Amino acid sequence: MTYIDFHVHIDHFPEPVKIANQYENNKIYALFVTNLPELFEKHLNSFKNYKYVRLAIGYHPELTQEFPFKRELFERLVPMTNYIGEVGIDLSRGNKYTLNEQLDNFSFITQEKYNKGKIYSIHSKDAEDEVLEILVHNKVKQAVFHWYSGKLSTLEKIIKNNYLLSINLSMQKSKKGQKIISQIPEELLLFETDGPFIRFDGKLITPMIIPQIYSILENEINGFHTHVMRNFKRMLITREFEALENSR
């Protein structure tokens, strides 16, 4: 049986190659998100021949103060992948002091010349409205909100724009997370582990544990596995069609 994990930080595991091979050998599709264009470049050759592990080019908004966004590097590397993530805006804690820079960077990353035929994994902590506004303005068609924790009113707008949302085990364990999950239409639902930052029974979530987590979520969401796989396949088909149209 095939599974997907649409947001995982493989390079943050103690043994990244071992984890990546577990995804590959068990035929679990994984979106390997990176936090900087430099990290995407570092891992590109090592993971370019993987079938089930998809490497995404990212720029994590929480790193704005520490690592300036290298736009020329991003522009050179982005044609080498169909996936962009983790990217977005974060206004939690001290990150709000870099709001203008974050807005500018995210607008750059999502502009039309980059977003055609690409799928985004989106970070939107305490900045859900700002993120959504930029996605819509830049006419981004394929975006997945990772670990959404914002207002239900904004969630309604995200749903109206047909953006997907990837849920994880931590969301299912909180009342607010459960409420958010209950509002997501089955046709917009995906799954993520956000490994290694989420634990299961106090342990790192590895690919070997993913079937067990799907079973847990299946008990809460009837047909969960079927919905996730259908949505994943539809998203890939839509991306391929968009890329083909853009090449004409």
C-alpha atoms as a PDB file:
ATOM      1  CA  MET A   1       0.000   0.000   0.000  1.00  0.00           C
ATOM      2  CA  THR A   2       1.332   3.442  -0.943  1.00  0.00           C
ATOM      3  CA  TYR A   3       1.494   6.399   1.434  1.00  0.00           C
ATOM      4  CA  ILE A   4       2.590  10.009   1.198  1.00  0.00           C
ATOM      5  CA  ASP A   5       4.283  12.436   3.571  1.00  0.00           C
ATOM      6  CA  PHE A   6       3.948  15.879   2.043  1.00  0.00           C
ATOM      7  CA  HIS A   7       6.194  17.799   4.433  1.00  0.00           C
ATOM      8  CA  VAL A   8       9.288  16.340   6.073  1.00  0.00           C
ATOM      9  CA  HIS A   9      12.721  17.780   6.914  1.00  0.00           C
ATOM     10  CA  ILE A  10      14.849  14.761   6.035  1.00  0.00           C
ATOM     11  CA  ASP A  11      18.114  16.641   6.534  1.00  0.00           C
ATOM     12  CA  HIS A  12      17.233  17.293  10.188  1.00  0.00           C
ATOM     13  CA  PHE A  13      17.202  13.591  11.078  1.00  0.00           C
ATOM     14  CA  PRO A  14      20.344  12.132  12.696  1.00  0.00           C
ATOM     15  CA  GLU A  15      20.795   9.811   9.671  1.00  0.00           C
ATOM     16  CA  PRO A  16      19.191  11.553   6.661  1.00  0.00           C
ATOM     17  CA  VAL A  17      20.243   9.033   4.016  1.00  0.00           C
ATOM     18  CA  LYS A  18      18.891   6.146   6.081  1.00  0.00           C
ATOM     19  CA  ILE A  19      15.531   7.922   6.427  1.00  0.00           C
ATOM     20  CA  ALA A  20      15.411   8.793   2.734  1.00  0.00           C
ATOM     21  CA  ASN A  21      16.113   5.174   1.812  1.00  0.00           C
ATOM     22  CA  GLN A  22      13.306   4.010   4.090  1.00  0.00           C
ATOM     23  CA  TYR A  23      10.902   6.264   2.191  1.00  0.00           C
ATOM     24  CA  GLU A  24      12.266   5.015  -1.123  1.00  0.00           C
ATOM     25  CA  ASN A  25      12.354   1.310  -0.285  1.00  0.00           C
ATOM     26  CA  ASN A  26       8.853   1.352   1.188  1.00  0.00           C
ATOM     27  CA  LYS A  27       7.445   3.375  -1.746  1.00  0.00           C
ATOM     28  CA  ILE A  28       6.288   6.258   0.437  1.00  0.00           C
ATOM     29  CA  TYR A  29       6.159   9.541  -1.443  1.00  0.00           C
ATOM     30  CA  ALA A  30       7.898  12.218   0.614  1.00  0.00           C
ATOM     31  CA  LEU A  31       8.283  15.938   0.002  1.00  0.00           C
ATOM     32  CA  PHE A  32      11.741  16.727   1.356  1.00  0.00           C
ATOM     33  CA  VAL A  33      11.437  20.431   2.197  1.00  0.00           C
ATOM     34  CA  THR A  34      14.555  22.536   2.675  1.00  0.00           C
ATOM     35  CA  ASN A  35      15.016  25.721   4.684  1.00  0.00           C
ATOM     36  CA  LEU A  36      17.444  27.585   2.392  1.00  0.00           C
ATOM     37  CA  PRO A  37      18.318  27.536  -1.314  1.00  0.00           C
ATOM     38  CA  GLU A  38      21.865  26.697  -0.214  1.00  0.00           C
ATOM     39  CA  LEU A  39      20.605  23.484   1.410  1.00  0.00           C
ATOM     40  CA  PHE A  40      18.654  22.521  -1.688  1.00  0.00           C
ATOM     41  CA  GLU A  41      21.845  22.943  -3.706  1.00  0.00           C
ATOM     42  CA  LYS A  42      23.779  20.869  -1.149  1.00  0.00           C
ATOM     43  CA  HIS A  43      21.372  17.923  -1.390  1.00  0.00           C
ATOM     44  CA  LEU A  44      20.474  18.120  -5.090  1.00  0.00           C
ATOM     45  CA  ASN A  45      22.960  15.595  -6.457  1.00  0.00           C
ATOM     46  CA  SER A  46      22.416  13.120  -3.618  1.00  0.00           C
ATOM     47  CA  PHE A  47      18.652  12.963  -4.109  1.00  0.00           C
ATOM     48  CA  LYS A  48      18.106  13.663  -7.805  1.00  0.00           C
ATOM     49  CA  ASN A  49      17.694   9.965  -8.690  1.00  0.00           C
ATOM     50  CA  TYR A  50      15.161   9.130  -5.986  1.00  0.00           C
ATOM     51  CA  LYS A  51      11.708   8.251  -7.281  1.00  0.00           C
ATOM     52  CA  TYR A  52       9.660   8.612  -4.112  1.00  0.00           C
ATOM     53  CA  VAL A  53      11.617  11.353  -2.337  1.00  0.00           C
ATOM     54  CA  ARG A  54      10.966  14.725  -3.989  1.00  0.00           C
ATOM     55  CA  LEU A  55      13.388  17.534  -3.103  1.00  0.00           C
ATOM     56  CA  ALA A  56      11.890  21.021  -2.703  1.00  0.00           C
ATOM     57  CA  ILE A  57      13.738  24.332  -2.762  1.00  0.00           C
ATOM     58  CA  GLY A  58      12.840  26.457   0.238  1.00  0.00           C
ATOM     59  CA  TYR A  59      13.486  29.528   2.310  1.00  0.00           C
ATOM     60  CA  HIS A  60      12.087  29.316   5.822  1.00  0.00           C
ATOM     61  CA  PRO A  61      10.739  32.700   6.982  1.00  0.00           C
ATOM     62  CA  GLU A  62      11.997  32.163  10.533  1.00  0.00           C
ATOM     63  CA  LEU A  63      15.549  32.371   9.177  1.00  0.00           C
ATOM     64  CA  THR A  64      15.101  35.833   7.674  1.00  0.00           C
ATOM     65  CA  GLN A  65      17.206  37.637  10.268  1.00  0.00           C
ATOM     66  CA  GLU A  66      19.996  35.075  10.277  1.00  0.00           C
ATOM     67  CA  PHE A  67      20.306  34.156   6.593  1.00  0.00           C
ATOM     68  CA  PRO A  68      19.543  36.752   3.889  1.00  0.00           C
ATOM     69  CA  PHE A  69      17.571  35.301   0.984  1.00  0.00           C
ATOM     70  CA  LYS A  70      19.895  34.620  -1.959  1.00  0.00           C
ATOM     71  CA  ARG A  71      17.613  35.522  -4.841  1.00  0.00           C
ATOM     72  CA  GLU A  72      20.080  34.849  -7.633  1.00  0.00           C
ATOM     73  CA  LEU A  73      20.756  31.362  -6.266  1.00  0.00           C
ATOM     74  CA  PHE A  74      17.028  30.659  -5.954  1.00  0.00           C
ATOM     75  CA  GLU A  75      16.447  31.840  -9.519  1.00  0.00           C
ATOM     76  CA  ARG A  76      19.200  29.581 -10.829  1.00  0.00           C
ATOM     77  CA  LEU A  77      18.078  26.500  -8.911  1.00  0.00           C
ATOM     78  CA  VAL A  78      14.271  26.665  -9.064  1.00  0.00           C
ATOM     79  CA  PRO A  79      14.063  25.177 -12.601  1.00  0.00           C
ATOM     80  CA  MET A  80      15.651  22.005 -11.189  1.00  0.00           C
ATOM     81  CA  THR A  81      12.576  21.004  -9.148  1.00  0.00           C
ATOM     82  CA  ASN A  82       8.797  20.934  -9.367  1.00  0.00           C
ATOM     83  CA  TYR A  83       8.438  21.736  -5.667  1.00  0.00           C
ATOM     84  CA  ILE A  84       8.993  24.881  -3.597  1.00  0.00           C
ATOM     85  CA  GLY A  85       8.984  24.658   0.179  1.00  0.00           C
ATOM     86  CA  GLU A  86       9.201  25.360   3.007  1.00  0.00           C
ATOM     87  CA  VAL A  87       8.363  28.965   2.184  1.00  0.00           C
ATOM     88  CA  GLY A  88       5.985  31.553   3.567  1.00  0.00           C
ATOM     89  CA  ILE A  89       5.627  34.173   6.280  1.00  0.00           C
ATOM     90  CA  ASP A  90       5.932  33.842  10.069  1.00  0.00           C
ATOM     91  CA  LEU A  91       4.757  36.615  12.395  1.00  0.00           C
ATOM     92  CA  SER A  92       5.014  34.698  15.658  1.00  0.00           C
ATOM     93  CA  ARG A  93       7.284  35.909  18.437  1.00  0.00           C
ATOM     94  CA  GLY A  94      10.134  38.138  17.218  1.00  0.00           C
ATOM     95  CA  ASN A  95       9.634  37.303  13.568  1.00  0.00           C
ATOM     96  CA  LYS A  96       7.169  40.167  13.133  1.00  0.00           C
ATOM     97  CA  TYR A  97      10.102  42.602  13.094  1.00  0.00           C
ATOM     98  CA  THR A  98      11.094  41.288   9.670  1.00  0.00           C
ATOM     99  CA  LEU A  99       7.567  41.555   8.259  1.00  0.00           C
ATOM    100  CA  ASN A 100       8.433  43.808   5.322  1.00  0.00           C
ATOM    101  CA  GLU A 101      11.373  41.670   4.290  1.00  0.00           C
ATOM    102  CA  GLN A 102       9.302  38.502   4.611  1.00  0.00           C
ATOM    103  CA  LEU A 103       6.509  39.971   2.501  1.00  0.00           C
ATOM    104  CA  ASP A 104       9.009  40.980  -0.150  1.00  0.00           C
ATOM    105  CA  ASN A 105      10.740  37.593  -0.178  1.00  0.00           C
ATOM    106  CA  PHE A 106       7.514  35.596  -0.345  1.00  0.00           C
ATOM    107  CA  SER A 107       6.163  37.808  -3.120  1.00  0.00           C
ATOM    108  CA  PHE A 108       9.377  37.151  -5.037  1.00  0.00           C
ATOM    109  CA  ILE A 109       9.265  33.380  -4.483  1.00  0.00           C
ATOM    110  CA  THR A 110       5.648  33.077  -5.601  1.00  0.00           C
ATOM    111  CA  GLN A 111       5.723  35.397  -8.612  1.00  0.00           C
ATOM    112  CA  GLU A 112       4.212  34.041 -11.801  1.00  0.00           C
ATOM    113  CA  LYS A 113       7.470  33.314 -13.602  1.00  0.00           C
ATOM    114  CA  TYR A 114       8.335  30.810 -10.854  1.00  0.00           C
ATOM    115  CA  ASN A 115       4.959  29.379  -9.875  1.00  0.00           C
ATOM    116  CA  LYS A 116       3.867  27.872 -13.195  1.00  0.00           C
ATOM    117  CA  GLY A 117       3.979  24.102 -12.927  1.00  0.00           C
ATOM    118  CA  LYS A 118       5.235  24.238  -9.335  1.00  0.00           C
ATOM    119  CA  ILE A 119       3.715  22.967  -6.082  1.00  0.00           C
ATOM    120  CA  TYR A 120       4.331  24.976  -2.902  1.00  0.00           C
ATOM    121  CA  SER A 121       4.471  23.806   0.716  1.00  0.00           C
ATOM    122  CA  ILE A 122       3.481  26.852   2.739  1.00  0.00           C
ATOM    123  CA  HIS A 123       4.412  28.098   6.214  1.00  0.00           C
ATOM    124  CA  SER A 124       1.904  30.642   7.535  1.00  0.00           C
ATOM    125  CA  LYS A 125       2.270  30.882  11.328  1.00  0.00           C
ATOM    126  CA  ASP A 126       0.312  33.941  12.551  1.00  0.00           C
ATOM    127  CA  ALA A 127       0.413  35.276   8.984  1.00  0.00           C
ATOM    128  CA  GLU A 128      -2.299  33.289   7.273  1.00  0.00           C
ATOM    129  CA  ASP A 129      -4.098  36.294   5.776  1.00  0.00           C
ATOM    130  CA  GLU A 130      -0.879  37.836   4.456  1.00  0.00           C
ATOM    131  CA  VAL A 131       0.183  34.550   2.878  1.00  0.00           C
ATOM    132  CA  LEU A 132      -3.183  33.975   1.248  1.00  0.00           C
ATOM    133  CA  GLU A 133      -3.308  37.499  -0.168  1.00  0.00           C
ATOM    134  CA  ILE A 134       0.070  37.055  -1.875  1.00  0.00           C
ATOM    135  CA  LEU A 135      -0.793  33.606  -3.239  1.00  0.00           C
ATOM    136  CA  VAL A 136      -3.985  34.921  -4.784  1.00  0.00           C
ATOM    137  CA  HIS A 137      -2.342  38.096  -6.092  1.00  0.00           C
ATOM    138  CA  ASN A 138       0.427  36.100  -7.778  1.00  0.00           C
ATOM    139  CA  LYS A 139      -2.086  33.594  -9.179  1.00  0.00           C
ATOM    140  CA  VAL A 140      -0.480  30.585  -7.534  1.00  0.00           C
ATOM    141  CA  LYS A 141      -2.596  27.566  -8.422  1.00  0.00           C
ATOM    142  CA  GLN A 142      -0.833  24.796  -6.521  1.00  0.00           C
ATOM    143  CA  ALA A 143      -0.183  25.440  -2.832  1.00  0.00           C
ATOM    144  CA  VAL A 144      -0.452  23.268   0.266  1.00  0.00           C
ATOM    145  CA  PHE A 145      -0.786  24.949   3.653  1.00  0.00           C
ATOM    146  CA  HIS A 146       1.446  23.025   6.039  1.00  0.00           C
ATOM    147  CA  TRP A 147       0.187  22.601   9.662  1.00  0.00           C
ATOM    148  CA  TYR A 148      -2.472  25.311   9.437  1.00  0.00           C
ATOM    149  CA  SER A 149      -3.229  26.836  12.854  1.00  0.00           C
ATOM    150  CA  GLY A 150      -4.959  30.102  12.000  1.00  0.00           C
ATOM    151  CA  LYS A 151      -8.480  31.473  12.094  1.00  0.00           C
ATOM    152  CA  LEU A 152     -11.416  29.468  10.798  1.00  0.00           C
ATOM    153  CA  SER A 153     -12.555  32.498   8.811  1.00  0.00           C
ATOM    154  CA  THR A 154      -9.252  32.533   6.928  1.00  0.00           C
ATOM    155  CA  LEU A 155      -9.460  28.769   6.503  1.00  0.00           C
ATOM    156  CA  GLU A 156     -12.763  29.302   4.684  1.00  0.00           C
ATOM    157  CA  LYS A 157     -11.018  31.654   2.243  1.00  0.00           C
ATOM    158  CA  ILE A 158      -8.215  29.156   1.690  1.00  0.00           C
ATOM    159  CA  ILE A 159     -10.779  26.485   0.905  1.00  0.00           C
ATOM    160  CA  LYS A 160     -12.646  28.789  -1.502  1.00  0.00           C
ATOM    161  CA  ASN A 161      -9.379  29.255  -3.390  1.00  0.00           C
ATOM    162  CA  ASN A 162      -8.967  25.460  -3.617  1.00  0.00           C
ATOM    163  CA  TYR A 163      -5.629  25.333  -1.817  1.00  0.00           C
ATOM    164  CA  LEU A 164      -4.853  22.064  -0.075  1.00  0.00           C
ATOM    165  CA  LEU A 165      -3.916  21.577   3.579  1.00  0.00           C
ATOM    166  CA  SER A 166      -1.570  18.938   4.977  1.00  0.00           C
ATOM    167  CA  ILE A 167      -2.476  17.723   8.462  1.00  0.00           C
ATOM    168  CA  ASN A 168      -0.328  15.934  11.024  1.00  0.00           C
ATOM    169  CA  LEU A 169      -0.619  13.939  14.215  1.00  0.00           C
ATOM    170  CA  SER A 170      -0.097  16.944  16.510  1.00  0.00           C
ATOM    171  CA  MET A 171      -3.084  18.734  14.972  1.00  0.00           C
ATOM    172  CA  GLN A 172      -5.262  15.727  15.653  1.00  0.00           C
ATOM    173  CA  LYS A 173      -4.290  15.788  19.340  1.00  0.00           C
ATOM    174  CA  SER A 174      -5.424  19.373  20.070  1.00  0.00           C
ATOM    175  CA  LYS A 175      -8.974  20.707  20.206  1.00  0.00           C
ATOM    176  CA  LYS A 176      -8.176  23.578  17.862  1.00  0.00           C
ATOM    177  CA  GLY A 177      -6.409  21.231  15.466  1.00  0.00           C
ATOM    178  CA  GLN A 178      -9.361  18.857  15.487  1.00  0.00           C
ATOM    179  CA  LYS A 179     -11.697  21.752  14.723  1.00  0.00           C
ATOM    180  CA  ILE A 180      -9.540  22.828  11.795  1.00  0.00           C
ATOM    181  CA  ILE A 181      -9.319  19.283  10.451  1.00  0.00           C
ATOM    182  CA  SER A 182     -13.103  18.912  10.662  1.00  0.00           C
ATOM    183  CA  GLN A 183     -13.520  21.957   8.401  1.00  0.00           C
ATOM    184  CA  ILE A 184     -11.195  20.733   5.632  1.00  0.00           C
ATOM    185  CA  PRO A 185     -13.113  19.211   2.701  1.00  0.00           C
ATOM    186  CA  GLU A 186     -12.011  15.693   1.861  1.00  0.00           C
ATOM    187  CA  GLU A 187     -10.915  16.834  -1.611  1.00  0.00           C
ATOM    188  CA  LEU A 188      -8.386  19.299  -0.128  1.00  0.00           C
ATOM    189  CA  LEU A 189      -6.790  17.003   2.447  1.00  0.00           C
ATOM    190  CA  LEU A 190      -3.160  15.825   2.508  1.00  0.00           C
ATOM    191  CA  PHE A 191      -0.897  14.293   5.152  1.00  0.00           C
ATOM    192  CA  GLU A 192       2.479  15.317   6.587  1.00  0.00           C
ATOM    193  CA  THR A 193       4.699  14.202   9.439  1.00  0.00           C
ATOM    194  CA  ASP A 194       6.778  17.407   9.696  1.00  0.00           C
ATOM    195  CA  GLY A 195       9.474  15.037  10.883  1.00  0.00           C
ATOM    196  CA  PRO A 196      11.592  15.117  12.901  1.00  0.00           C
ATOM    197  CA  PHE A 197       9.768  17.909  14.780  1.00  0.00           C
ATOM    198  CA  ILE A 198       6.743  15.826  15.763  1.00  0.00           C
ATOM    199  CA  ARG A 199       7.034  12.763  17.998  1.00  0.00           C
ATOM    200  CA  PHE A 200       4.927   9.610  18.202  1.00  0.00           C
ATOM    201  CA  ASP A 201       4.926   7.954  21.623  1.00  0.00           C
ATOM    202  CA  GLY A 202       7.986  10.023  22.438  1.00  0.00           C
ATOM    203  CA  LYS A 203       9.952   8.769  19.443  1.00  0.00           C
ATOM    204  CA  LEU A 204      10.951  10.261  16.104  1.00  0.00           C
ATOM    205  CA  ILE A 205       8.421   9.606  13.364  1.00  0.00           C
ATOM    206  CA  THR A 206      10.210   7.504  10.765  1.00  0.00           C
ATOM    207  CA  PRO A 207       8.734   6.172   7.512  1.00  0.00           C
ATOM    208  CA  MET A 208       8.171   2.807   9.196  1.00  0.00           C
ATOM    209  CA  ILE A 209       5.637   4.385  11.570  1.00  0.00           C
ATOM    210  CA  ILE A 210       3.628   6.196   8.884  1.00  0.00           C
ATOM    211  CA  PRO A 211       1.176   3.318   8.163  1.00  0.00           C
ATOM    212  CA  GLN A 212       0.314   3.225  11.867  1.00  0.00           C
ATOM    213  CA  ILE A 213      -0.375   6.978  11.894  1.00  0.00           C
ATOM    214  CA  TYR A 214      -2.604   6.634   8.835  1.00  0.00           C
ATOM    215  CA  SER A 215      -4.590   3.986  10.725  1.00  0.00           C
ATOM    216  CA  ILE A 216      -5.051   6.364  13.658  1.00  0.00           C
ATOM    217  CA  LEU A 217      -6.269   9.147  11.386  1.00  0.00           C
ATOM    218  CA  GLU A 218      -8.486   6.710   9.501  1.00  0.00           C
ATOM    219  CA  ASN A 219     -10.375   6.121  12.738  1.00  0.00           C
ATOM    220  CA  GLU A 220     -11.049   9.860  12.972  1.00  0.00           C
ATOM    221  CA  ILE A 221     -11.612  10.602   9.274  1.00  0.00           C
ATOM    222  CA  ASN A 222     -13.514   7.991   7.310  1.00  0.00           C
ATOM    223  CA  GLY A 223     -11.696   7.190   4.086  1.00  0.00           C
ATOM    224  CA  PHE A 224      -8.650   9.266   5.085  1.00  0.00           C
ATOM    225  CA  HIS A 225      -6.091   7.218   3.159  1.00  0.00           C
ATOM    226  CA  THR A 226      -8.240   7.147   0.026  1.00  0.00           C
ATOM    227  CA  HIS A 227      -8.828  10.903   0.131  1.00  0.00           C
ATOM    228  CA  VAL A 228      -5.139  11.710   0.616  1.00  0.00           C
ATOM    229  CA  MET A 229      -3.944   9.483  -2.210  1.00  0.00           C
ATOM    230  CA  ARG A 230      -6.618  10.726  -4.593  1.00  0.00           C
ATOM    231  CA  ASN A 231      -5.784  14.352  -3.823  1.00  0.00           C
ATOM    232  CA  PHE A 232      -2.062  13.732  -4.219  1.00  0.00           C
ATOM    233  CA  LYS A 233      -2.515  12.109  -7.619  1.00  0.00           C
ATOM    234  CA  ARG A 234      -4.873  14.858  -8.797  1.00  0.00           C
ATOM    235  CA  MET A 235      -2.394  17.506  -7.668  1.00  0.00           C
ATOM    236  CA  LEU A 236       0.412  15.887  -9.670  1.00  0.00           C
ATOM    237  CA  ILE A 237      -1.751  15.584 -12.776  1.00  0.00           C
ATOM    238  CA  THR A 238      -2.775  19.235 -12.480  1.00  0.00           C
ATOM    239  CA  ARG A 239       0.853  20.270 -12.086  1.00  0.00           C
ATOM    240  CA  GLU A 240       1.906  18.333 -15.171  1.00  0.00           C
ATOM    241  CA  PHE A 241      -0.912  19.838 -17.220  1.00  0.00           C
ATOM    242  CA  GLU A 242      -0.028  23.349 -16.071  1.00  0.00           C
ATOM    243  CA  ALA A 243       3.649  22.793 -16.881  1.00  0.00           C
ATOM    244  CA  LEU A 244       2.726  21.555 -20.348  1.00  0.00           C
ATOM    245  CA  GLU A 245       0.512  24.559 -20.997  1.00  0.00           C
ATOM    246  CA  ASN A 246       3.255  26.892 -19.784  1.00  0.00           C
ATOM    247  CA  SER A 247       5.801  25.348 -22.167  1.00  0.00           C
ATOM    248  CA  ARG A 248       3.726  26.154 -25.253  1.00  0.00           C
END
